[in-house]
Protein backbone atom coordinates (compact mmCIF):
# COMPACT_ATOMS: atom_id res chain seq x y z
CA UNK A 1 0.00 0.00 0.00
CA UNK A 2 1.08 3.50 -0.80
CA UNK A 3 -0.57 6.72 0.42
CA UNK A 4 -0.41 10.12 -1.24
CA UNK A 5 -2.09 13.26 0.08
CA UNK A 6 -3.57 16.42 -1.34
CA UNK A 7 -0.98 19.19 -1.59
CA UNK A 8 2.17 17.04 -1.58
CA UNK A 9 4.34 15.37 -4.22
CA UNK A 10 5.55 12.77 -1.71
CA UNK A 11 4.08 9.39 -0.85
CA UNK A 12 4.12 7.29 2.28
CA UNK A 13 5.57 5.19 3.83
CA UNK A 14 8.41 6.18 1.49
CA UNK A 15 8.71 9.76 2.79
CA UNK A 16 10.10 10.39 6.25
CA UNK A 17 8.24 13.60 7.20
CA UNK A 18 4.75 13.67 8.70
CA UNK A 19 2.00 13.76 6.04
CA UNK A 20 -0.10 16.89 6.69
CA UNK A 21 -3.10 17.85 4.57
CA UNK A 22 -3.83 21.47 3.57
CA UNK A 23 -5.72 23.30 6.33
CA UNK A 24 -9.48 22.73 6.35
CA UNK A 25 -11.59 25.89 6.49
CA UNK A 26 -15.36 26.46 6.40
CA UNK A 27 -14.67 29.26 3.89
CA UNK A 28 -12.41 27.41 1.47
CA UNK A 29 -13.32 27.36 -2.22
CA UNK A 30 -10.68 24.82 -3.18
CA UNK A 31 -11.92 21.25 -3.75
CA UNK A 32 -12.29 19.04 -0.69
CA UNK A 33 -9.05 17.64 0.73
CA UNK A 34 -8.32 14.03 -0.17
CA UNK A 35 -6.06 11.04 0.37
CA UNK A 36 -5.01 8.65 -2.41
CA UNK A 37 -4.59 4.98 -1.50
CA UNK A 38 -2.74 3.15 -4.27
CA UNK A 39 -1.47 -0.33 -5.00
CA UNK A 40 2.29 -0.79 -5.22
CA UNK A 41 2.02 -4.52 -5.86
CA UNK A 42 0.15 -6.92 -8.12
CA UNK A 43 -2.63 -8.13 -5.78
CA UNK A 44 -5.63 -6.11 -4.64
CA UNK A 45 -6.04 -5.39 -0.92
CA UNK A 46 -8.61 -3.97 1.47
CA UNK A 47 -8.10 -0.62 3.16
CA UNK A 48 -9.70 1.56 5.83
CA UNK A 49 -9.47 5.30 6.52
CA UNK A 50 -10.39 6.25 10.08
CA UNK A 51 -10.46 9.91 11.26
CA UNK A 52 -10.08 10.11 15.04
CA UNK A 53 -13.14 12.38 15.50
CA UNK A 54 -16.75 11.78 14.40
CA UNK A 55 -17.18 15.22 12.77
CA UNK A 56 -14.51 14.49 10.12
CA UNK A 57 -15.67 11.84 7.66
CA UNK A 58 -13.92 9.90 4.90
CA UNK A 59 -15.71 8.83 1.72
CA UNK A 60 -15.32 5.97 0.88
CA UNK A 61 -14.00 5.01 4.31
CA UNK A 62 -13.02 1.52 3.19
CA UNK A 63 -13.03 -0.93 0.35
CA UNK A 64 -10.76 -2.80 -2.01
CA UNK A 65 -7.90 -1.20 -3.93
CA UNK A 66 -6.98 -2.73 -7.26
CA UNK A 67 -5.02 0.24 -8.63
CA UNK A 68 -5.90 3.45 -6.81
CA UNK A 69 -8.73 4.95 -4.75
CA UNK A 70 -9.34 8.59 -3.85
CA UNK A 71 -10.82 9.17 -0.39
CA UNK A 72 -12.48 12.57 0.12
CA UNK A 73 -12.54 14.18 3.57
CA UNK A 74 -15.37 16.41 4.79
CA UNK A 75 -15.86 18.40 8.01
CA UNK A 76 -19.24 18.78 9.71
CA UNK A 77 -18.70 22.41 10.64
CA UNK A 78 -21.75 22.54 12.91
CA UNK A 79 -20.05 20.00 15.18
CA UNK A 80 -16.38 20.95 14.75
CA UNK A 81 -14.81 22.84 17.70
CA UNK A 82 -13.85 26.49 17.41
CA UNK A 83 -10.18 27.21 16.84
CA UNK A 84 -7.43 25.16 15.22
CA UNK A 85 -7.59 21.40 15.85
CA UNK A 86 -5.17 18.68 14.72
CA UNK A 87 -6.95 15.46 13.79
CA UNK A 88 -5.00 12.21 13.14
CA UNK A 89 -6.38 10.07 10.29
CA UNK A 90 -5.29 6.43 10.25
CA UNK A 91 -4.94 4.72 6.87
CA UNK A 92 -4.46 0.95 6.96
CA UNK A 93 -4.09 -1.68 4.25
CA UNK A 94 -1.85 -4.50 3.05
CA UNK A 95 -0.30 -4.80 6.49
CA UNK A 96 0.80 -1.15 6.61
CA UNK A 97 -0.41 1.88 8.56
CA UNK A 98 0.07 5.55 7.68
CA UNK A 99 -1.14 8.35 9.97
CA UNK A 100 -2.12 11.54 8.17
CA UNK A 101 -2.64 14.81 10.03
CA UNK A 102 -5.61 17.04 9.25
CA UNK A 103 -5.55 20.61 10.57
CA UNK A 104 -9.08 21.98 10.97
CA UNK A 105 -9.44 25.75 11.40
CA UNK A 106 -12.85 27.06 12.50
CA UNK A 107 -12.68 30.82 13.23
CA UNK A 108 -14.30 32.05 16.42
CA UNK A 109 -15.85 35.04 14.65
CA UNK A 110 -18.02 34.91 11.53
CA UNK A 111 -17.01 37.36 8.77
CA UNK A 112 -19.85 39.53 7.53
CA UNK A 113 -18.47 41.26 4.44
CA UNK A 114 -15.69 40.82 1.89
CA UNK A 115 -13.41 38.05 0.63
CA UNK A 116 -12.48 35.60 3.39
CA UNK A 117 -9.04 34.17 4.08
CA UNK A 118 -8.90 30.38 3.91
CA UNK A 119 -6.13 27.83 3.30
CA UNK A 120 -3.55 30.57 3.87
CA UNK A 121 -4.60 32.98 1.13
CA UNK A 122 -7.23 35.29 -0.33
CA UNK A 123 -7.84 35.21 -4.09
CA UNK A 124 -9.86 37.89 -5.93
CA UNK A 125 -10.87 38.30 -9.57
CA UNK A 126 -10.12 41.84 -10.75
CA UNK A 127 -13.68 42.78 -11.70
CA UNK A 128 -15.13 41.72 -8.34
CA UNK A 129 -14.06 44.92 -6.59
CA UNK A 130 -15.88 46.46 -3.65
CA UNK A 131 -15.46 49.97 -5.02
CA UNK A 132 -14.07 51.51 -8.22
CA UNK A 133 -12.85 55.07 -7.64
CA UNK A 134 -12.22 57.43 -10.56
CA UNK A 135 -9.75 60.29 -10.33
CA UNK A 136 -7.35 62.45 -12.28
CA UNK A 137 -9.38 62.09 -15.44
CA UNK A 138 -9.10 58.29 -15.26
CA UNK A 139 -12.00 55.86 -14.88
CA UNK A 140 -12.10 52.05 -14.97
CA UNK A 141 -13.10 49.72 -17.81
CA UNK A 142 -14.01 46.04 -17.51
CA UNK A 143 -12.48 43.84 -20.22
CA UNK A 144 -14.62 40.68 -20.43
CA UNK A 145 -12.75 37.35 -20.43
CA UNK A 146 -9.30 38.88 -20.94
CA UNK A 147 -7.97 37.13 -17.84
CA UNK A 148 -7.01 33.49 -17.59
CA UNK A 149 -9.76 32.85 -15.06
CA UNK A 150 -12.12 35.79 -15.60
CA UNK A 151 -12.34 39.38 -16.75
CA UNK A 152 -9.81 42.19 -16.32
CA UNK A 153 -9.85 45.82 -15.24
CA UNK A 154 -7.97 48.64 -16.98
CA UNK A 155 -7.69 52.40 -16.46
CA UNK A 156 -9.38 54.44 -19.16
CA UNK A 157 -8.51 56.14 -21.43
CA UNK A 158 -5.22 54.44 -22.25
CA UNK A 159 -3.98 57.78 -23.58
CA UNK A 160 -4.19 59.38 -20.14
CA UNK A 161 -1.03 60.60 -18.45
CA UNK A 162 0.68 58.40 -15.88
CA UNK A 163 -1.07 58.70 -12.51
CA UNK A 164 0.40 59.38 -9.08
CA UNK A 165 -0.99 56.81 -6.61
CA UNK A 166 -2.44 57.89 -3.30
CA UNK A 167 -4.93 60.43 -2.07
CA UNK A 168 -7.95 60.75 -4.34
CA UNK A 169 -6.28 58.92 -7.23
CA UNK A 170 -7.99 56.29 -9.37
CA UNK A 171 -8.07 52.93 -7.64
CA UNK A 172 -9.92 49.66 -7.18
CA UNK A 173 -10.77 48.70 -3.60
CA UNK A 174 -11.31 45.14 -2.36
CA UNK A 175 -12.60 44.38 1.12
CA UNK A 176 -11.00 41.31 2.68
CA UNK A 177 -11.34 39.43 5.98
CA UNK A 178 -7.96 38.31 7.34
CA UNK A 179 -7.29 36.06 10.32
CA UNK A 180 -3.50 36.15 9.87
CA UNK A 181 -1.35 38.93 11.30
CA UNK A 182 2.22 39.85 10.43
CA UNK A 183 3.83 39.98 6.99
CA UNK A 184 1.71 39.06 3.95
CA UNK A 185 2.57 39.05 0.26
CA UNK A 186 0.23 40.59 -2.30
CA UNK A 187 0.53 39.09 -5.78
CA UNK A 188 -0.85 41.02 -8.75
CA UNK A 189 -1.62 39.04 -11.90
CA UNK A 190 -1.54 41.40 -14.88
CA UNK A 191 -1.89 40.79 -18.58
CA UNK A 192 1.57 40.81 -20.21
CA UNK A 193 2.02 44.19 -21.89
CA UNK A 194 4.95 45.67 -23.76
CA UNK A 195 6.17 49.07 -22.64
CA UNK A 196 4.49 51.25 -25.27
CA UNK A 197 4.91 54.58 -23.46
CA UNK A 198 7.95 56.70 -22.58
CA UNK A 199 9.48 55.49 -19.35
CA UNK A 200 11.08 52.46 -17.76
CA UNK A 201 8.13 50.06 -17.95
CA UNK A 202 4.51 49.25 -17.16
CA UNK A 203 3.75 50.32 -13.59
CA UNK A 204 1.01 50.02 -10.99
CA UNK A 205 0.79 50.53 -7.22
CA UNK A 206 -0.88 48.60 -4.41
CA UNK A 207 -1.61 49.39 -0.77
CA UNK A 208 -3.29 47.84 2.26
CA UNK A 209 -5.59 49.99 4.39
CA UNK A 210 -3.93 53.35 5.01
CA UNK A 211 -0.37 52.16 4.33
CA UNK A 212 1.47 54.08 1.63
CA UNK A 213 1.03 52.77 -1.94
CA UNK A 214 3.98 50.76 -3.20
CA UNK A 215 4.97 51.14 -6.84
CA UNK A 216 5.76 48.09 -8.95
CA UNK A 217 7.39 48.17 -12.37
CA UNK A 218 6.25 44.93 -13.99
CA UNK A 219 8.77 45.24 -16.80
CA UNK A 220 11.88 45.51 -14.64
CA UNK A 221 10.56 43.25 -11.84
CA UNK A 222 10.20 40.30 -14.20
CA UNK A 223 13.14 41.20 -16.44
CA UNK A 224 10.87 41.12 -19.48
CA UNK A 225 12.44 42.63 -22.61
CA UNK A 226 10.13 42.65 -25.62
CA UNK A 227 12.87 44.04 -27.87
CA UNK A 228 15.31 41.21 -27.12
CA UNK A 229 12.43 38.73 -26.66
CA UNK A 230 14.31 37.24 -23.69
CA UNK A 231 13.17 34.45 -21.35
CA UNK A 232 11.27 36.85 -19.09
CA UNK A 233 9.24 38.12 -22.03
CA UNK A 234 8.86 34.59 -23.37
CA UNK A 235 7.39 33.22 -20.11
CA UNK A 236 5.00 36.15 -19.67
CA UNK A 237 3.73 35.79 -23.23
CA UNK A 238 3.54 31.99 -23.04
CA UNK A 239 1.55 31.96 -19.80
CA UNK A 240 -0.49 35.09 -20.65
CA UNK A 241 0.23 36.64 -17.26
CA UNK A 242 2.76 38.86 -15.51
CA UNK A 243 3.03 38.12 -11.76
CA UNK A 244 4.66 40.56 -9.37
CA UNK A 245 4.50 40.91 -5.59
CA UNK A 246 4.72 43.38 -2.72
CA UNK A 247 4.87 42.79 1.05
CA UNK A 248 2.76 44.44 3.76
CA UNK A 249 2.30 43.96 7.50
CA UNK A 250 -1.14 43.17 8.93
CA UNK A 251 -1.37 44.52 12.48
CA UNK A 252 -4.68 42.95 13.51
CA UNK A 253 -7.19 40.35 12.25
CA UNK A 254 -10.49 41.45 10.76
CA UNK A 255 -11.66 43.53 7.81
CA UNK A 256 -9.02 45.24 5.66
CA UNK A 257 -9.07 47.10 2.35
CA UNK A 258 -6.69 46.15 -0.45
CA UNK A 259 -6.23 48.93 -3.03
CA UNK A 260 -4.93 48.65 -6.58
CA UNK A 261 -3.87 52.10 -7.89
CA UNK A 262 -3.74 53.23 -11.50
CA UNK A 263 -0.29 54.42 -12.58
CA UNK A 264 0.28 53.36 -16.21
CA UNK A 265 -3.12 53.30 -17.96
CA UNK A 266 -2.05 50.43 -20.21
CA UNK A 267 -1.82 48.04 -17.23
CA UNK A 268 -4.57 45.38 -17.17
CA UNK A 269 -5.29 43.68 -13.84
CA UNK A 270 -6.53 40.06 -13.95
CA UNK A 271 -6.38 38.88 -10.34
CA UNK A 272 -5.08 39.75 -6.86
CA UNK A 273 -3.86 37.10 -4.40
CA UNK A 274 -2.88 37.73 -0.78
CA UNK A 275 -0.51 35.04 0.48
CA UNK A 276 -0.88 34.80 4.26
CA UNK A 277 1.44 31.81 4.49
CA UNK A 278 -0.35 28.95 2.78
CA UNK A 279 -0.38 29.80 -0.94
CA UNK A 280 0.50 26.75 -3.04
CA UNK A 281 2.01 26.78 -6.51
CA UNK A 282 -0.51 26.41 -9.32
CA UNK A 283 -0.68 27.39 -12.97
CA UNK A 284 -3.79 29.58 -12.76
CA UNK A 285 -3.50 30.61 -9.14
CA UNK A 286 -6.03 29.61 -6.47
CA UNK A 287 -9.77 29.76 -7.18
CA UNK A 288 -11.51 32.92 -6.05
CA UNK A 289 -12.09 33.12 -2.32
CA UNK A 290 -15.50 33.04 -0.77
CA UNK A 291 -17.10 36.47 -0.59
CA UNK A 292 -19.57 37.03 2.21
CA UNK A 293 -22.13 39.81 2.42
CA UNK A 294 -25.24 40.63 4.44
CA UNK A 295 -27.39 39.02 1.72
CA UNK A 296 -25.24 35.86 1.46
CA UNK A 297 -27.70 32.98 1.06
CA UNK A 298 -25.65 30.80 3.37
CA UNK A 299 -26.16 33.21 6.28
CA UNK A 300 -29.66 34.55 5.63
CA UNK A 301 -33.00 32.92 5.07
CA UNK A 302 -34.70 33.54 1.72
CA UNK A 303 -38.36 32.61 1.09
CA UNK A 304 -38.75 29.86 -1.50
CA UNK A 305 -41.57 28.46 -3.59
CA UNK A 306 -41.69 25.07 -5.27
CA UNK A 307 -43.11 24.20 -8.68
CA UNK A 308 -43.36 20.87 -10.48
CA UNK A 309 -39.97 19.78 -11.79
CA UNK A 310 -38.02 22.76 -10.44
CA UNK A 311 -37.35 24.54 -7.18
CA UNK A 312 -37.32 28.34 -7.41
CA UNK A 313 -35.95 30.97 -5.06
CA UNK A 314 -37.92 34.18 -4.63
CA UNK A 315 -35.77 37.23 -5.51
CA UNK A 316 -34.53 39.12 -2.47
CA UNK A 317 -35.21 42.61 -3.88
CA UNK A 318 -35.02 44.75 -7.03
CA UNK A 319 -31.39 43.81 -7.61
CA UNK A 320 -31.87 40.23 -6.49
CA UNK A 321 -31.89 36.98 -8.39
CA UNK A 322 -33.76 33.70 -8.45
CA UNK A 323 -32.48 30.16 -8.98
CA UNK A 324 -34.25 27.03 -10.18
CA UNK A 325 -32.99 23.51 -10.78
CA UNK A 326 -34.16 20.78 -13.15
CA UNK A 327 -32.96 17.17 -13.08
CA UNK A 328 -32.29 14.33 -15.46
CA UNK A 329 -31.89 11.21 -13.29
CA UNK A 330 -30.97 7.58 -13.80
CA UNK A 331 -30.12 4.67 -11.53
CA UNK A 332 -27.12 5.84 -9.48
CA UNK A 333 -26.66 9.32 -10.94
CA UNK A 334 -28.08 12.54 -12.31
CA UNK A 335 -27.39 15.78 -14.13
CA UNK A 336 -28.72 19.09 -12.84
CA UNK A 337 -29.28 22.32 -14.74
CA UNK A 338 -29.49 25.43 -12.57
CA UNK A 339 -31.00 28.60 -14.03
CA UNK A 340 -30.06 31.96 -12.49
CA UNK A 341 -32.54 34.75 -13.31
CA UNK A 342 -32.00 38.44 -12.56
CA UNK A 343 -34.76 40.39 -10.83
CA UNK A 344 -35.99 43.81 -11.91
CA UNK A 345 -32.42 45.19 -12.18
CA UNK A 346 -29.25 44.05 -13.92
CA UNK A 347 -26.87 42.02 -11.75
CA UNK A 348 -23.08 41.69 -11.96
CA UNK A 349 -22.02 38.63 -10.01
CA UNK A 350 -24.13 35.92 -8.41
CA UNK A 351 -23.85 33.09 -5.91
CA UNK A 352 -26.11 30.07 -5.54
CA UNK A 353 -26.26 27.92 -2.41
CA UNK A 354 -27.57 24.39 -2.84
CA UNK A 355 -27.49 21.42 -0.48
CA UNK A 356 -27.06 17.98 -2.03
CA UNK A 357 -29.03 15.05 -0.61
CA UNK A 358 -27.11 12.65 1.67
CA UNK A 359 -24.90 10.36 -0.38
CA UNK A 360 -24.88 12.59 -3.48
CA UNK A 361 -21.52 13.79 -4.84
CA UNK A 362 -20.68 16.25 -7.63
CA UNK A 363 -18.35 14.65 -10.19
CA UNK A 364 -18.29 17.30 -12.91
CA UNK A 365 -19.57 20.85 -13.45
CA UNK A 366 -19.66 23.58 -16.07
CA UNK A 367 -20.22 27.36 -16.17
CA UNK A 368 -19.79 27.80 -12.38
CA UNK A 369 -17.23 27.32 -9.62
CA UNK A 370 -18.02 25.24 -6.53
CA UNK A 371 -16.47 25.15 -3.08
CA UNK A 372 -17.05 21.46 -2.36
CA UNK A 373 -18.42 18.24 -3.85
CA UNK A 374 -20.89 17.11 -1.16
CA UNK A 375 -23.29 18.62 1.36
CA UNK A 376 -23.90 22.38 1.25
CA UNK A 377 -22.29 23.51 -2.02
CA UNK A 378 -21.73 27.16 -2.90
CA UNK A 379 -21.67 27.98 -6.62
CA UNK A 380 -20.32 31.25 -8.08
CA UNK A 381 -20.18 32.70 -11.56
CA UNK A 382 -17.04 32.27 -13.68
CA UNK A 383 -16.64 35.86 -14.88
CA UNK A 384 -18.00 35.60 -18.39
CA UNK A 385 -21.50 34.81 -17.08
CA UNK A 386 -21.47 37.17 -14.08
CA UNK A 387 -23.58 39.85 -15.75
CA UNK A 388 -27.27 39.09 -16.29
CA UNK A 389 -29.69 41.70 -17.60
CA UNK A 390 -32.93 42.39 -15.72
CA UNK A 391 -35.39 39.57 -16.26
CA UNK A 392 -32.84 37.48 -18.21
CA UNK A 393 -31.19 34.19 -17.26
CA UNK A 394 -27.94 32.27 -17.41
CA UNK A 395 -27.42 28.58 -16.66
CA UNK A 396 -24.81 26.29 -15.17
CA UNK A 397 -24.89 22.56 -14.67
CA UNK A 398 -23.31 19.64 -12.90
CA UNK A 399 -23.27 15.87 -12.89
CA UNK A 400 -23.42 13.79 -9.74
CA UNK A 401 -23.64 10.32 -8.30
CA UNK A 402 -26.42 9.23 -5.98
CA UNK A 403 -29.90 10.76 -5.88
CA UNK A 404 -30.37 14.45 -6.73
CA UNK A 405 -34.03 15.00 -5.85
CA UNK A 406 -35.09 17.53 -3.23
CA UNK A 407 -32.46 20.21 -3.87
CA UNK A 408 -33.58 23.78 -3.07
CA UNK A 409 -31.23 26.46 -4.44
CA UNK A 410 -31.02 30.02 -3.10
CA UNK A 411 -29.51 32.93 -5.02
CA UNK A 412 -27.96 36.28 -4.10
CA UNK A 413 -25.97 38.95 -5.91
CA UNK A 414 -22.38 39.76 -5.01
């Protein structure tokens, strides 16, 4: 028997260090943590995965491994203790035992507004700002689908003079909830741009709360030279992104405001990521963090009505939205189509909360992001389908195992 874990390239019992899964958080949007049990020999064997507490479950908790089996781990957050708890998980099979550590982090306070830190980071799509502030003759334009994972934001017009960050200057503001204090790293993902204006390169600035804006020259920071077409330019063009970072100090947990300042109007922002100590390497960067608000359907109760074949959520106001689900079922599985309909006003960004029946698991999805595969699943738009005109609809879908009947979606704008 061999055991591999989510977030590590090692396998056990070959590796000598303790296997530790990525931190579990009730606000994570990454897929559920998992353990892989695989066969290193030629004969199948039985295995068992036993968490040491009843509120952490493994699915499937046991069975027979012929080649490889993925075991998904889920936390019952209603029963998990507050604070950070280490939970040993015992994996046994083929005469071997591997103990995996799960770190479960349940904050004592519930965030009420903004993007929430989880798994050691906060990830934000550029066009999901809290506030866009114009200044110095510069406004902000949304560029649909220009980013690798969503839309981008650019100062306008591109012929404007370079801006001085700070004060009443043009900026995008993003409200975030941080539990980590001390140094944090802010990564800005920009579209790769050649330096088409007089000066040393394409620049922007970023700040946290009332700290002074810090200027970043993306051209010199990455060593990109479009004239020589060097390796820096080659990698930026190949990956369609320019990543640069700045460091700030967070003095206290709670709500903070991250600000992206216009300097060079040709700069196009795709995504911002705050690394609070747990950011893992990935090609596209982490999925967008959960964004909570007073009208979040997971924290407020929305009246619902049921009709034959679908379940529909009543809009929460003029700028609200409704969600309905229709099913195509067969023995052991189903597909679901969820329709999101804007109320009497246009919406720009939506979130649907939907609880799967016991035993049901999402195996595939399209046109929406999800934060987990079982239980209470939170679905968010994927950028290109965030805007829905008043009275119009957009759809996303997913496929699952088990029985899908009885799902009641709720919808809110964000």
